[in-house]
Amino acid sequence: MAPAATEVRSERASSLLAYNDSPDIYFDRSINPYRGCEHGCVYCYARPTHGYLNLSPGLDFETRLVAKVNAAELLRRELAAPGYRAAVVNLGSATDAYQPVERQLRITRAVLEVLAQARHPVAIVTKASLVERDLDLLVPMAQQRLAAAFVSVTTLDHALSRQLEPRAASPARRLRTVETLARAGVPVCVNVAPVIPFVNEPEIERILEAAAAAGARGAFYTVLRLPWEVAPLFRQWLGVHYPQRAARVMNRVREMRQGRDYDADFATRMKGSGTWAGLIRQRFDKACARHHLGRGRFELRDDLFRRPRLDSQLDLF
């Protein structure tokens, strides 16, 4: 089937920085310039958010996007607020800030320009090669320890990638992006995410070896998360592409989730629990040690922050 056409709706958002107090993630604020994502990753935990727009978490999430066209303007105002205190902001925590529509709209680029001018620390999460376009901004920021990139590499198998992430960059292209960023001086961590038992899980060691060879400094992983509507979508995908192992995959997923498709407990939602989750953790740790890959996050500076100047006091209202 030919890919469905993408529709983009412009939105003038009322706020941009989203705050959280989740104890299992390293950042307390994030920016998502777009709602929905063209990459079409079947496992995406952000799919249910499209329900807030009265759109489906399935095809609508991939083809009916919302672009926050006033993102840079909003960010400038929020950073200029007298009570604002700088800390690492995650760019693209829910939907990819460098998905294909960004080539034309350049909203992420405008947001990054504001962050660069304000000397504000940023961690970018993406699986798109388009991030290379903004090296002119990222390299000077990285030199001041203000920027880092986290590139998601789910598999090295091109055919599997096309099934899991049909409109995302190929695995080889993502590794080339890791190499390009690293050579330019931008610290890069590779996300092996999500780890899916009996699907991409056998590749853990090979992905980490390739990441280290490309110049990644660190690695991170999460196990498959299936909140709300994502679970039936993923089960349907399994039935189409891996019918003979579908039950086996879901049994292992439930083993790591206290017998359920998903467990939202902060202590286990990223890594899972139980014997199988423990084996994945051991394999990942040993492979990282073997390839000298750090774990966790990069320490970025927040003491260089300069509050943006607005054109007039009226801009505050």
Protein backbone atom coordinates (compact mmCIF):
# COMPACT_ATOMS: atom_id res chain seq x y z
CA MET A 1 0.00 0.00 0.00
CA ALA A 2 1.11 3.54 -0.72
CA PRO A 3 1.84 5.55 2.44
CA ALA A 4 -1.03 7.74 3.59
CA ALA A 5 -0.68 11.46 2.99
CA THR A 6 0.32 13.58 5.95
CA GLU A 7 -1.98 16.38 7.10
CA VAL A 8 -0.50 19.14 9.26
CA ARG A 9 -2.62 21.46 11.36
CA SER A 10 -1.10 24.64 12.78
CA GLU A 11 -1.60 25.36 16.45
CA ARG A 12 -0.77 28.46 18.45
CA ALA A 13 -0.04 26.78 21.75
CA SER A 14 -0.56 28.55 25.07
CA SER A 15 2.60 27.09 26.65
CA LEU A 16 5.62 25.12 25.49
CA LEU A 17 7.68 23.80 28.39
CA ALA A 18 6.07 20.70 29.89
CA TYR A 19 7.15 19.86 33.43
CA ASN A 20 7.19 16.48 35.17
CA ASP A 21 8.21 15.08 38.54
CA SER A 22 8.79 11.49 37.41
CA PRO A 23 11.58 9.95 39.52
CA ASP A 24 12.74 7.58 36.77
CA ILE A 25 13.78 10.16 34.16
CA TYR A 26 16.67 12.59 34.42
CA PHE A 27 14.92 15.75 33.16
CA ASP A 28 12.06 17.71 34.71
CA ARG A 29 11.06 19.66 31.59
CA SER A 30 10.60 18.90 27.92
CA ILE A 31 9.64 20.43 24.58
CA ASN A 32 7.65 18.71 21.85
CA PRO A 33 7.21 20.96 18.80
CA TYR A 34 4.80 18.48 17.18
CA ARG A 35 1.85 16.33 18.21
CA GLY A 36 1.88 13.00 16.40
CA CYS A 37 4.82 11.54 14.46
CA GLU A 38 5.30 10.52 10.84
CA HIS A 39 7.81 7.81 11.71
CA GLY A 40 4.93 5.45 12.48
CA CYS A 41 6.75 3.36 15.10
CA VAL A 42 4.25 0.69 16.15
CA TYR A 43 5.60 0.59 19.71
CA CYS A 44 5.43 4.36 20.38
CA TYR A 45 4.22 5.01 23.93
CA ALA A 46 3.05 8.51 22.92
CA ARG A 47 0.29 7.22 20.63
CA PRO A 48 -2.49 7.50 23.25
CA THR A 49 -1.90 11.27 23.52
CA HIS A 50 -3.66 11.73 20.18
CA GLY A 51 -6.87 10.82 21.94
CA TYR A 52 -6.78 14.26 23.59
CA LEU A 53 -7.32 15.67 20.08
CA ASN A 54 -10.23 13.29 19.37
CA LEU A 55 -7.96 11.49 16.88
CA SER A 56 -6.99 7.83 16.78
CA PRO A 57 -3.70 6.52 18.25
CA GLY A 58 -3.27 4.45 15.10
CA LEU A 59 -3.16 5.93 11.61
CA ASP A 60 -4.20 9.43 12.78
CA PHE A 61 -1.15 9.61 15.06
CA GLU A 62 1.09 9.00 12.04
CA THR A 63 -0.69 11.14 9.46
CA ARG A 64 -2.66 13.91 11.20
CA LEU A 65 -0.05 16.07 12.88
CA VAL A 66 -0.25 19.28 14.87
CA ALA A 67 2.59 21.80 14.55
CA LYS A 68 3.14 24.35 17.32
CA VAL A 69 3.98 27.21 15.00
CA ASN A 70 4.58 29.72 17.82
CA ALA A 71 6.96 27.43 19.72
CA ALA A 72 10.04 29.68 19.52
CA GLU A 73 8.06 32.75 20.52
CA LEU A 74 6.56 30.93 23.51
CA LEU A 75 9.92 29.54 24.60
CA ARG A 76 11.53 32.96 24.54
CA ARG A 77 8.80 34.33 26.80
CA GLU A 78 8.94 31.39 29.20
CA LEU A 79 12.74 31.59 29.53
CA ALA A 80 12.48 35.37 30.09
CA ALA A 81 10.08 35.00 33.03
CA PRO A 82 11.67 36.45 36.21
CA GLY A 83 11.25 33.23 38.18
CA TYR A 84 12.61 30.86 35.57
CA ARG A 85 15.64 28.74 36.54
CA ALA A 86 17.57 26.85 33.87
CA ALA A 87 17.94 23.06 33.85
CA VAL A 88 18.35 20.50 31.09
CA VAL A 89 15.37 20.51 28.73
CA ASN A 90 14.62 17.39 26.73
CA LEU A 91 13.76 18.13 23.10
CA GLY A 92 11.58 15.42 21.57
CA SER A 93 10.63 13.38 24.63
CA ALA A 94 7.25 12.24 23.25
CA THR A 95 7.35 12.76 19.47
CA ASP A 96 10.44 13.18 17.32
CA ALA A 97 11.35 16.85 16.93
CA TYR A 98 13.20 16.00 13.69
CA GLN A 99 10.48 14.00 11.95
CA PRO A 100 10.14 14.63 8.17
CA VAL A 101 7.73 17.58 8.41
CA GLU A 102 10.45 19.55 10.21
CA ARG A 103 12.36 19.88 6.93
CA GLN A 104 9.78 22.40 5.74
CA LEU A 105 8.45 23.91 8.97
CA ARG A 106 11.78 24.34 10.82
CA ILE A 107 10.05 24.78 14.18
CA THR A 108 12.65 22.67 15.99
CA ARG A 109 15.38 24.75 14.38
CA ALA A 110 13.77 27.95 15.70
CA VAL A 111 13.46 26.46 19.19
CA LEU A 112 17.11 25.43 19.16
CA GLU A 113 18.12 28.94 18.10
CA VAL A 114 16.38 30.37 21.19
CA LEU A 115 18.10 27.82 23.45
CA ALA A 116 21.49 28.60 21.89
CA GLN A 117 21.04 32.35 22.33
CA ALA A 118 20.04 31.84 25.97
CA ARG A 119 22.89 29.35 26.61
CA HIS A 120 20.32 26.88 27.87
CA PRO A 121 21.23 23.16 28.19
CA VAL A 122 19.38 20.77 25.88
CA ALA A 123 19.31 17.00 25.35
CA ILE A 124 17.89 15.91 22.00
CA VAL A 125 16.24 12.53 21.49
CA THR A 126 15.77 11.48 17.87
CA LYS A 127 16.01 8.69 15.33
CA ALA A 128 16.23 11.14 12.41
CA SER A 129 19.29 12.13 10.40
CA LEU A 130 17.83 15.64 10.02
CA VAL A 131 19.47 16.58 13.32
CA GLU A 132 22.71 16.93 11.31
CA ARG A 133 21.24 20.05 9.68
CA ASP A 134 21.60 21.92 12.97
CA LEU A 135 25.26 21.16 13.65
CA ASP A 136 26.04 24.85 13.26
CA LEU A 137 24.05 25.41 16.46
CA LEU A 138 24.82 22.17 18.29
CA VAL A 139 28.61 22.21 17.94
CA PRO A 140 29.16 25.59 19.70
CA MET A 141 26.66 24.54 22.37
CA ALA A 142 28.44 21.23 22.87
CA GLN A 143 31.74 23.04 23.25
CA GLN A 144 30.20 24.83 26.22
CA ARG A 145 28.68 21.58 27.56
CA LEU A 146 25.19 22.78 26.70
CA ALA A 147 24.07 20.09 24.24
CA ALA A 148 23.98 16.32 23.87
CA ALA A 149 22.18 13.95 21.52
CA PHE A 150 20.48 10.62 22.15
CA VAL A 151 19.99 8.65 18.94
CA SER A 152 17.59 5.69 19.02
CA VAL A 153 18.84 2.54 17.32
CA THR A 154 16.22 -0.17 17.70
CA THR A 155 17.69 -2.77 15.35
CA LEU A 156 20.45 -3.28 12.79
CA ASP A 157 18.12 -5.30 10.57
CA HIS A 158 16.83 -3.11 7.74
CA ALA A 159 13.78 -5.31 7.07
CA LEU A 160 12.76 -5.34 10.74
CA SER A 161 13.23 -1.58 10.96
CA ARG A 162 10.87 -1.10 8.01
CA GLN A 163 8.26 -3.16 9.83
CA LEU A 164 8.70 -1.55 13.26
CA GLU A 165 9.47 2.04 12.19
CA PRO A 166 8.25 2.31 8.58
CA ARG A 167 9.09 5.97 7.94
CA ALA A 168 12.13 6.45 10.15
CA ALA A 169 15.76 6.57 8.98
CA SER A 170 17.38 3.21 8.29
CA PRO A 171 19.64 1.68 10.95
CA ALA A 172 22.74 2.35 8.83
CA ARG A 173 21.72 5.98 8.40
CA ARG A 174 21.24 6.43 12.14
CA LEU A 175 24.67 5.02 12.87
CA ARG A 176 26.09 7.45 10.32
CA THR A 177 24.32 10.24 12.21
CA VAL A 178 25.94 9.05 15.45
CA GLU A 179 29.33 9.17 13.71
CA THR A 180 28.68 12.62 12.22
CA LEU A 181 27.63 14.11 15.55
CA ALA A 182 30.48 12.47 17.45
CA ARG A 183 33.12 13.63 14.97
CA ALA A 184 31.76 17.17 15.20
CA GLY A 185 32.19 17.10 18.98
CA VAL A 186 28.58 16.60 20.05
CA PRO A 187 28.39 13.93 22.79
CA VAL A 188 26.13 11.09 21.67
CA CYS A 189 24.36 8.35 23.57
CA VAL A 190 22.58 5.51 21.76
CA ASN A 191 19.14 4.43 22.95
CA VAL A 192 18.49 0.74 22.40
CA ALA A 193 14.77 1.24 22.77
CA PRO A 194 12.52 -0.49 23.11
CA VAL A 195 13.93 -3.94 23.76
CA ILE A 196 11.31 -6.43 22.52
CA PRO A 197 11.78 -10.08 23.55
CA PHE A 198 12.51 -12.43 20.61
CA VAL A 199 12.23 -9.54 18.12
CA ASN A 200 15.17 -7.14 18.53
CA GLU A 201 16.34 -8.43 21.91
CA PRO A 202 18.84 -10.89 20.33
CA GLU A 203 20.64 -7.88 18.80
CA ILE A 204 21.52 -6.05 22.04
CA GLU A 205 25.23 -6.84 21.92
CA ARG A 206 25.58 -6.16 18.19
CA ILE A 207 23.81 -2.81 18.44
CA LEU A 208 26.11 -1.70 21.26
CA GLU A 209 29.18 -2.82 19.34
CA ALA A 210 28.05 -0.80 16.30
CA ALA A 211 27.23 2.21 18.47
CA ALA A 212 30.69 2.21 20.04
CA ALA A 213 32.34 1.85 16.64
CA ALA A 214 30.36 4.87 15.41
CA GLY A 215 31.64 7.02 18.28
CA ALA A 216 28.86 6.90 20.86
CA ARG A 217 30.03 7.70 24.38
CA GLY A 218 27.18 6.03 26.18
CA ALA A 219 24.14 3.78 25.86
CA PHE A 220 20.73 3.45 27.41
CA TYR A 221 17.82 1.07 27.02
CA THR A 222 14.17 0.60 27.90
CA VAL A 223 12.02 -2.48 27.55
CA LEU A 224 8.81 -2.43 25.54
CA ARG A 225 6.06 -0.24 27.03
CA LEU A 226 2.45 -0.87 26.00
CA PRO A 227 0.22 1.71 27.70
CA TRP A 228 -3.47 1.97 26.86
CA GLU A 229 -4.19 1.70 23.11
CA VAL A 230 -0.60 0.77 22.25
CA ALA A 231 -1.09 -2.81 23.51
CA PRO A 232 -3.78 -3.89 20.99
CA LEU A 233 -1.93 -2.11 18.17
CA PHE A 234 1.27 -3.97 18.98
CA ARG A 235 -0.51 -7.32 19.35
CA GLN A 236 -2.07 -6.78 15.93
CA TRP A 237 1.37 -5.98 14.48
CA LEU A 238 2.78 -9.18 16.00
CA GLY A 239 -0.05 -11.21 14.51
CA VAL A 240 0.72 -9.86 11.03
CA HIS A 241 4.52 -10.02 11.05
CA TYR A 242 5.38 -12.73 13.61
CA PRO A 243 2.30 -14.94 14.06
CA GLN A 244 4.31 -18.02 15.08
CA ARG A 245 6.07 -16.24 17.94
CA ALA A 246 3.38 -13.71 18.95
CA ALA A 247 2.25 -15.62 22.03
CA ARG A 248 5.85 -16.22 23.11
CA VAL A 249 6.69 -12.50 22.80
CA MET A 250 3.64 -11.38 24.79
CA ASN A 251 4.28 -13.99 27.50
CA ARG A 252 7.75 -12.54 28.06
CA VAL A 253 6.41 -8.97 28.01
CA ARG A 254 3.87 -9.90 30.70
CA GLU A 255 6.55 -11.69 32.70
CA MET A 256 8.40 -8.37 32.95
CA ARG A 257 5.15 -6.48 33.77
CA GLN A 258 3.72 -8.38 36.73
CA GLY A 259 1.52 -10.50 34.48
CA ARG A 260 0.04 -7.54 32.58
CA ASP A 261 0.66 -5.96 29.20
CA TYR A 262 1.94 -2.88 31.00
CA ASP A 263 2.73 -1.75 34.51
CA ALA A 264 3.11 2.02 34.98
CA ASP A 265 4.96 1.79 38.30
CA PHE A 266 7.82 4.31 38.27
CA ALA A 267 10.23 1.78 39.76
CA THR A 268 9.86 -0.71 36.89
CA ARG A 269 8.13 0.89 33.89
CA MET A 270 11.39 1.57 31.99
CA LYS A 271 13.29 -1.67 32.72
CA GLY A 272 10.65 -4.15 33.80
CA SER A 273 11.02 -6.65 36.64
CA GLY A 274 11.59 -10.34 37.13
CA THR A 275 14.06 -12.87 35.78
CA TRP A 276 13.81 -11.93 32.11
CA ALA A 277 14.27 -8.22 32.82
CA GLY A 278 17.26 -9.08 34.99
CA LEU A 279 18.89 -11.04 32.18
CA ILE A 280 18.45 -8.14 29.76
CA ARG A 281 20.02 -5.79 32.31
CA GLN A 282 23.02 -8.09 32.82
CA ARG A 283 23.61 -8.49 29.08
CA PHE A 284 23.35 -4.76 28.51
CA ASP A 285 25.71 -3.90 31.37
CA LYS A 286 28.33 -6.40 30.25
CA ALA A 287 28.21 -5.25 26.62
CA CYS A 288 28.55 -1.60 27.68
CA ALA A 289 31.56 -2.45 29.83
CA ARG A 290 33.14 -4.42 26.99
CA HIS A 291 32.80 -1.50 24.58
CA HIS A 292 33.59 1.24 27.13
CA LEU A 293 30.17 2.83 26.86
CA GLY A 294 29.03 4.97 29.76
CA ARG A 295 25.59 4.64 31.29
CA GLY A 296 23.05 7.26 32.20
CA ARG A 297 23.27 10.86 31.09
CA PHE A 298 25.73 13.60 30.22
CA GLU A 299 26.37 16.35 32.73
CA LEU A 300 25.38 19.58 31.01
CA ARG A 301 25.89 23.07 32.41
CA ASP A 302 23.07 25.32 33.56
CA ASP A 303 25.20 28.14 35.02
CA LEU A 304 25.75 29.88 31.67
CA PHE A 305 22.07 30.71 31.19
CA ARG A 306 21.24 34.22 30.01
CA ARG A 307 17.63 35.29 30.32
CA PRO A 308 16.36 36.34 26.87
CA ARG A 309 15.50 39.99 26.35
CA LEU A 310 12.06 40.68 24.97
CA ASP A 311 11.34 43.51 22.57
CA SER A 312 9.02 45.22 25.00
CA GLN A 313 7.41 44.73 28.36
CA LEU A 314 4.13 44.07 26.55
CA ASP A 315 5.62 40.80 25.27
CA LEU A 316 5.27 39.41 28.77
CA PHE A 317 1.47 39.42 28.47
